[in-house]
Amino acid sequence: EVSTHAAHLRCHPEEYVSTLQNYLNSLPTCSLMPKM
């Protein structure tokens, strides 16, 4: 079974990355940063 999402990801990795970056940027950064 082929995932259409995975196929799209292989064809458009930069689109996926930019979307992911936008999502992460919209989140509170304090919850993402590990306690150093």
N, C-alpha and C. Protein backbone atom coordinates (compact mmCIF):
# COMPACT_ATOMS: atom_id res chain seq x y z
N GLU A 1 0.85 -1.20 0.00
CA GLU A 1 0.00 0.00 0.00
C GLU A 1 0.88 1.25 0.00
N VAL A 2 0.62 2.13 -0.94
CA VAL A 2 1.43 3.34 -1.07
C VAL A 2 0.71 4.52 -0.45
N SER A 3 1.42 5.24 0.39
CA SER A 3 0.84 6.42 1.01
C SER A 3 0.99 7.61 0.06
N THR A 4 -0.13 8.22 -0.28
CA THR A 4 -0.07 9.38 -1.17
C THR A 4 0.64 10.55 -0.49
N HIS A 5 0.52 10.63 0.83
CA HIS A 5 1.20 11.70 1.56
C HIS A 5 2.71 11.53 1.46
N ALA A 6 3.18 10.29 1.62
CA ALA A 6 4.61 10.01 1.54
C ALA A 6 5.13 10.29 0.13
N ALA A 7 4.33 9.95 -0.87
CA ALA A 7 4.73 10.22 -2.25
C ALA A 7 4.83 11.72 -2.48
N HIS A 8 3.88 12.47 -1.96
CA HIS A 8 3.90 13.93 -2.08
C HIS A 8 5.12 14.50 -1.37
N LEU A 9 5.44 13.94 -0.22
CA LEU A 9 6.59 14.39 0.55
C LEU A 9 7.88 14.19 -0.23
N ARG A 10 8.01 13.03 -0.90
CA ARG A 10 9.20 12.77 -1.70
C ARG A 10 9.32 13.74 -2.87
N CYS A 11 8.18 14.13 -3.43
CA CYS A 11 8.20 15.04 -4.59
C CYS A 11 8.38 16.50 -4.19
N HIS A 12 7.92 16.85 -2.99
CA HIS A 12 7.94 18.26 -2.57
C HIS A 12 8.48 18.41 -1.14
N PRO A 13 9.72 17.98 -0.89
CA PRO A 13 10.24 18.05 0.48
C PRO A 13 10.33 19.48 1.01
N GLU A 14 10.67 20.43 0.14
CA GLU A 14 10.82 21.81 0.61
C GLU A 14 9.49 22.40 1.05
N GLU A 15 8.42 21.99 0.37
CA GLU A 15 7.08 22.45 0.75
C GLU A 15 6.72 21.91 2.13
N TYR A 16 7.05 20.64 2.36
CA TYR A 16 6.77 20.02 3.65
C TYR A 16 7.57 20.70 4.76
N VAL A 17 8.83 20.97 4.49
CA VAL A 17 9.70 21.59 5.50
C VAL A 17 9.22 22.99 5.84
N SER A 18 8.84 23.76 4.82
CA SER A 18 8.38 25.12 5.10
C SER A 18 7.08 25.12 5.90
N THR A 19 6.20 24.16 5.60
CA THR A 19 4.96 24.04 6.35
C THR A 19 5.25 23.65 7.80
N LEU A 20 6.18 22.73 7.98
CA LEU A 20 6.55 22.29 9.32
C LEU A 20 7.18 23.44 10.10
N GLN A 21 8.04 24.21 9.44
CA GLN A 21 8.65 25.36 10.10
C GLN A 21 7.60 26.37 10.54
N ASN A 22 6.63 26.63 9.67
CA ASN A 22 5.57 27.57 10.02
C ASN A 22 4.77 27.07 11.21
N TYR A 23 4.52 25.77 11.25
CA TYR A 23 3.78 25.18 12.37
C TYR A 23 4.57 25.32 13.67
N LEU A 24 5.85 24.98 13.61
CA LEU A 24 6.69 25.07 14.81
C LEU A 24 6.81 26.52 15.28
N ASN A 25 6.91 27.45 14.34
CA ASN A 25 7.02 28.86 14.70
C ASN A 25 5.76 29.38 15.37
N SER A 26 4.64 28.75 15.09
CA SER A 26 3.37 29.20 15.68
C SER A 26 3.18 28.68 17.11
N LEU A 27 4.01 27.73 17.51
CA LEU A 27 3.90 27.17 18.85
C LEU A 27 4.71 27.99 19.85
N PRO A 28 4.36 27.91 21.13
CA PRO A 28 5.18 28.57 22.15
C PRO A 28 6.58 27.94 22.16
N THR A 29 7.61 28.72 21.98
CA THR A 29 8.95 28.18 21.87
C THR A 29 9.44 27.53 23.17
N CYS A 30 8.93 27.99 24.30
CA CYS A 30 9.38 27.45 25.58
C CYS A 30 9.03 25.96 25.72
N SER A 31 7.97 25.53 25.04
CA SER A 31 7.58 24.12 25.14
C SER A 31 8.43 23.25 24.22
N LEU A 32 9.11 23.87 23.25
CA LEU A 32 9.92 23.11 22.30
C LEU A 32 11.37 23.00 22.73
N MET A 33 11.86 24.05 23.39
CA MET A 33 13.27 24.07 23.76
C MET A 33 13.56 23.13 24.93
N PRO A 34 14.54 22.25 24.75
CA PRO A 34 14.91 21.36 25.86
C PRO A 34 15.58 22.17 26.96
N LYS A 35 15.43 21.72 28.18
CA LYS A 35 16.07 22.41 29.30
C LYS A 35 17.56 22.09 29.28
N MET A 36 18.35 23.10 29.01
CA MET A 36 19.80 22.89 28.94
C MET A 36 20.44 23.14 30.30
